[in-house]
C-alpha atoms as a PDB file:
ATOM      1  CA  MET A   1      57.581  84.058  92.132  1.00  0.00           C
ATOM      2  CA  ALA A   2      61.034  82.504  91.532  1.00  0.00           C
ATOM      3  CA  MET A   3      62.598  84.656  94.262  1.00  0.00           C
ATOM      4  CA  ARG A   4      60.079  83.409  96.843  1.00  0.00           C
ATOM      5  CA  ILE A   5      60.951  79.788  96.081  1.00  0.00           C
ATOM      6  CA  ARG A   6      64.679  80.450  96.557  1.00  0.00           C
ATOM      7  CA  ARG A   7      64.136  82.050  99.941  1.00  0.00           C
ATOM      8  CA  ARG A   8      62.142  79.073 101.231  1.00  0.00           C
ATOM      9  CA  ALA A   9      64.674  76.490 100.011  1.00  0.00           C
ATOM     10  CA  GLY A  10      67.362  77.099 102.699  1.00  0.00           C
ATOM     11  CA  PHE A  11      67.628  77.300 106.486  1.00  0.00           C
ATOM     12  CA  THR A  12      67.587  80.581 108.351  1.00  0.00           C
ATOM     13  CA  LEU A  13      70.392  81.566 110.664  1.00  0.00           C
ATOM     14  CA  ILE A  14      68.127  81.149 113.690  1.00  0.00           C
ATOM     15  CA  GLU A  15      67.258  77.568 112.692  1.00  0.00           C
ATOM     16  CA  LEU A  16      70.945  76.694 112.315  1.00  0.00           C
ATOM     17  CA  VAL A  17      71.880  78.249 115.670  1.00  0.00           C
ATOM     18  CA  ALA A  18      68.992  76.477 117.428  1.00  0.00           C
ATOM     19  CA  THR A  19      70.066  73.129 115.946  1.00  0.00           C
ATOM     20  CA  ILE A  20      73.678  73.646 117.054  1.00  0.00           C
ATOM     21  CA  VAL A  21      72.567  74.584 120.581  1.00  0.00           C
ATOM     22  CA  VAL A  22      70.446  71.416 120.850  1.00  0.00           C
ATOM     23  CA  ILE A  23      73.360  69.265 119.629  1.00  0.00           C
ATOM     24  CA  VAL A  24      75.724  70.854 122.168  1.00  0.00           C
ATOM     25  CA  ILE A  25      73.277  70.252 125.033  1.00  0.00           C
ATOM     26  CA  VAL A  26      72.709  66.606 124.047  1.00  0.00           C
ATOM     27  CA  SER A  27      76.486  66.091 123.708  1.00  0.00           C
ATOM     28  CA  ALA A  28      77.125  67.520 127.178  1.00  0.00           C
ATOM     29  CA  VAL A  29      74.557  65.187 128.727  1.00  0.00           C
ATOM     30  CA  ALA A  30      75.986  62.169 126.869  1.00  0.00           C
ATOM     31  CA  VAL A  31      79.596  62.930 127.910  1.00  0.00           C
ATOM     32  CA  ASP A  32      78.545  63.311 131.545  1.00  0.00           C
ATOM     33  CA  HIS A  33      76.657  60.000 131.427  1.00  0.00           C
ATOM     34  CA  PHE A  34      79.561  58.082 129.891  1.00  0.00           C
ATOM     35  CA  GLY A  35      81.985  59.561 132.446  1.00  0.00           C
ATOM     36  CA  THR A  36      79.779  58.217 135.229  1.00  0.00           C
ATOM     37  CA  VAL A  37      79.627  54.816 133.555  1.00  0.00           C
ATOM     38  CA  SER A  38      83.423  54.557 133.320  1.00  0.00           C
ATOM     39  CA  ASN A  39      83.785  55.480 137.022  1.00  0.00           C
ATOM     40  CA  GLY A  40      81.249  52.787 137.871  1.00  0.00           C
ATOM     41  CA  ALA A  41      83.304  50.274 135.912  1.00  0.00           C
ATOM     42  CA  LYS A  42      86.490  51.303 137.760  1.00  0.00           C
ATOM     43  CA  ASN A  43      84.683  50.892 141.077  1.00  0.00           C
ATOM     44  CA  ALA A  44      83.484  47.418 140.096  1.00  0.00           C
ATOM     45  CA  VAL A  45      87.086  46.436 139.329  1.00  0.00           C
ATOM     46  CA  ILE A  46      88.192  47.704 142.758  1.00  0.00           C
ATOM     47  CA  ASP A  47      85.391  45.713 144.443  1.00  0.00           C
ATOM     48  CA  ASP A  48      86.433  42.572 142.545  1.00  0.00           C
ATOM     49  CA  PHE A  49      90.033  43.168 143.581  1.00  0.00           C
ATOM     50  CA  ILE A  50      89.059  43.423 147.270  1.00  0.00           C
ATOM     51  CA  ARG A  51      87.110  40.121 146.974  1.00  0.00           C
ATOM     52  CA  ASP A  52      90.087  38.480 145.252  1.00  0.00           C
ATOM     53  CA  CYS A  53      92.345  39.680 148.087  1.00  0.00           C
ATOM     54  CA  ARG A  54      90.084  37.924 150.600  1.00  0.00           C
ATOM     55  CA  THR A  55      90.505  34.683 148.659  1.00  0.00           C
ATOM     56  CA  VAL A  56      94.272  35.126 148.413  1.00  0.00           C
ATOM     57  CA  TYR A  57      94.471  35.804 152.157  1.00  0.00           C
ATOM     58  CA  ALA A  58      92.421  32.721 153.011  1.00  0.00           C
ATOM     59  CA  LYS A  59      94.537  30.496 150.770  1.00  0.00           C
ATOM     60  CA  MET A  60      97.797  31.892 152.164  1.00  0.00           C
ATOM     61  CA  TYR A  61      96.668  31.875 155.796  1.00  0.00           C
ATOM     62  CA  TYR A  62      95.145  28.390 155.793  1.00  0.00           C
ATOM     63  CA  GLY A  63      97.380  26.915 153.092  1.00  0.00           C
ATOM     64  CA  ASP A  64      96.211  25.656 149.730  1.00  0.00           C
ATOM     65  CA  SER A  65      98.683  23.309 148.125  1.00  0.00           C
ATOM     66  CA  SER A  66      96.636  23.068 144.903  1.00  0.00           C
ATOM     67  CA  SER A  67      97.251  26.762 144.175  1.00  0.00           C
ATOM     68  CA  GLY A  68     100.886  26.978 145.246  1.00  0.00           C
ATOM     69  CA  PHE A  69     100.127  28.704 148.554  1.00  0.00           C
ATOM     70  CA  GLN A  70     101.394  25.953 150.843  1.00  0.00           C
ATOM     71  CA  GLY A  71     104.061  27.313 153.190  1.00  0.00           C
ATOM     72  CA  THR A  72     104.483  30.682 151.464  1.00  0.00           C
ATOM     73  CA  ASN A  73     103.846  34.171 152.720  1.00  0.00           C
ATOM     74  CA  PHE A  74     104.781  36.121 149.561  1.00  0.00           C
ATOM     75  CA  ILE A  75     103.313  35.898 146.049  1.00  0.00           C
ATOM     76  CA  CYS A  76     103.039  37.890 142.834  1.00  0.00           C
ATOM     77  CA  LEU A  77      99.358  38.837 142.520  1.00  0.00           C
ATOM     78  CA  LYS A  78      98.942  38.739 138.739  1.00  0.00           C
ATOM     79  CA  SER A  79      98.326  34.986 138.699  1.00  0.00           C
ATOM     80  CA  TYR A  80      95.727  35.041 141.484  1.00  0.00           C
ATOM     81  CA  VAL A  81      93.489  38.070 140.843  1.00  0.00           C
ATOM     82  CA  SER A  82      91.057  38.685 138.006  1.00  0.00           C
ATOM     83  CA  VAL A  83      92.093  42.340 137.605  1.00  0.00           C
ATOM     84  CA  GLY A  84      94.545  42.967 134.787  1.00  0.00           C
ATOM     85  CA  GLY A  85      97.403  45.464 134.844  1.00  0.00           C
ATOM     86  CA  LEU A  86      98.774  44.407 138.229  1.00  0.00           C
ATOM     87  CA  ASP A  87     101.915  42.755 136.871  1.00  0.00           C
ATOM     88  CA  GLY A  88     104.216  44.175 139.547  1.00  0.00           C
ATOM     89  CA  ALA A  89     101.791  43.887 142.472  1.00  0.00           C
ATOM     90  CA  THR A  90     102.693  41.528 145.295  1.00  0.00           C
ATOM     91  CA  ALA A  91     100.930  40.129 148.348  1.00  0.00           C
ATOM     92  CA  GLN A  92     102.700  39.352 151.603  1.00  0.00           C
ATOM     93  CA  LEU A  93     101.126  37.655 154.594  1.00  0.00           C
ATOM     94  CA  SER A  94     102.119  38.881 158.041  1.00  0.00           C
ATOM     95  CA  GLY A  95      99.945  37.347 160.743  1.00  0.00           C
ATOM     96  CA  SER A  96      96.387  38.528 160.129  1.00  0.00           C
ATOM     97  CA  GLN A  97      97.574  41.225 157.722  1.00  0.00           C
ATOM     98  CA  LEU A  98      97.779  40.963 153.946  1.00  0.00           C
ATOM     99  CA  ILE A  99     100.095  43.631 152.552  1.00  0.00           C
ATOM    100  CA  ILE A 100      99.431  44.429 148.895  1.00  0.00           C
ATOM    101  CA  ALA A 101     102.342  46.404 147.433  1.00  0.00           C
ATOM    102  CA  SER A 102     103.373  47.921 144.096  1.00  0.00           C
ATOM    103  CA  LEU A 103      99.869  48.769 142.905  1.00  0.00           C
ATOM    104  CA  PRO A 104      99.746  51.253 140.006  1.00  0.00           C
ATOM    105  CA  ALA A 105      99.103  54.792 141.309  1.00  0.00           C
ATOM    106  CA  THR A 106      96.185  55.093 138.876  1.00  0.00           C
ATOM    107  CA  PHE A 107      94.374  52.005 140.200  1.00  0.00           C
ATOM    108  CA  LEU A 108      92.748  53.672 143.226  1.00  0.00           C
ATOM    109  CA  LYS A 109      91.330  57.189 143.368  1.00  0.00           C
ATOM    110  CA  ASN A 110      93.468  58.070 146.391  1.00  0.00           C
ATOM    111  CA  GLN A 111      96.547  56.832 144.442  1.00  0.00           C
ATOM    112  CA  ALA A 112      97.590  54.433 147.198  1.00  0.00           C
ATOM    113  CA  THR A 113     100.220  52.001 145.959  1.00  0.00           C
ATOM    114  CA  THR A 114     100.170  49.855 149.115  1.00  0.00           C
ATOM    115  CA  ILE A 115      97.156  48.457 150.938  1.00  0.00           C
ATOM    116  CA  ILE A 116      97.466  46.858 154.368  1.00  0.00           C
ATOM    117  CA  ILE A 117      94.408  44.721 154.960  1.00  0.00           C
ATOM    118  CA  ASP A 118      94.133  43.569 158.560  1.00  0.00           C
ATOM    119  CA  TYR A 119      91.574  40.782 158.561  1.00  0.00           C
ATOM    120  CA  GLY A 120      91.799  40.411 162.358  1.00  0.00           C
ATOM    121  CA  ALA A 121      90.811  44.046 162.942  1.00  0.00           C
ATOM    122  CA  GLN A 122      88.788  44.198 159.696  1.00  0.00           C
ATOM    123  CA  THR A 123      90.567  47.349 158.509  1.00  0.00           C
ATOM    124  CA  TYR A 124      92.019  48.534 155.217  1.00  0.00           C
ATOM    125  CA  ASN A 125      94.934  50.949 155.706  1.00  0.00           C
ATOM    126  CA  GLY A 126      93.545  51.583 159.196  1.00  0.00           C
ATOM    127  CA  ASP A 127      89.997  52.375 158.017  1.00  0.00           C
ATOM    128  CA  ASP A 128      86.897  50.199 158.035  1.00  0.00           C
ATOM    129  CA  GLU A 129      85.879  48.871 154.612  1.00  0.00           C
ATOM    130  CA  PRO A 130      83.201  51.501 153.759  1.00  0.00           C
ATOM    131  CA  THR A 131      85.566  54.359 154.665  1.00  0.00           C
ATOM    132  CA  PHE A 132      88.417  52.824 152.695  1.00  0.00           C
ATOM    133  CA  LEU A 133      86.200  52.289 149.656  1.00  0.00           C
ATOM    134  CA  SER A 134      84.890  55.868 149.826  1.00  0.00           C
ATOM    135  CA  LYS A 135      88.504  57.030 149.468  1.00  0.00           C
ATOM    136  CA  ALA A 136      89.455  54.443 146.851  1.00  0.00           C
ATOM    137  CA  HIS A 137      86.378  54.543 144.596  1.00  0.00           C
ATOM    138  CA  TRP A 138      86.289  56.914 141.651  1.00  0.00           C
END
């Protein structure tokens, strides 16, 4: 009788293997989900950056003396965009084009460090906005 009680007190090898397999499957699904979430966050930052660039362009093109844009065609972006980590990035106005330079190579998926936004032609590095974003989004 005592030997039967000992045998029932532990887990069998099959139960342990099945538990480990379930944990591995759940972990794989969770890692995949969190990877997608972080890419979505990166894409939201890129979208915010593009919106901020529109504001910077408008202030530079039309002049905004309250923000220090009056009579200038070159600024350091870090003070005018909500995205962090762009300490060396600059914006230069050339007609209807806003040239964003010195972006970190890890900011965009296509690793572009310069973006030429032509607001007259409505292009970003020569592409329309959806095409540009499909290359830039993670």
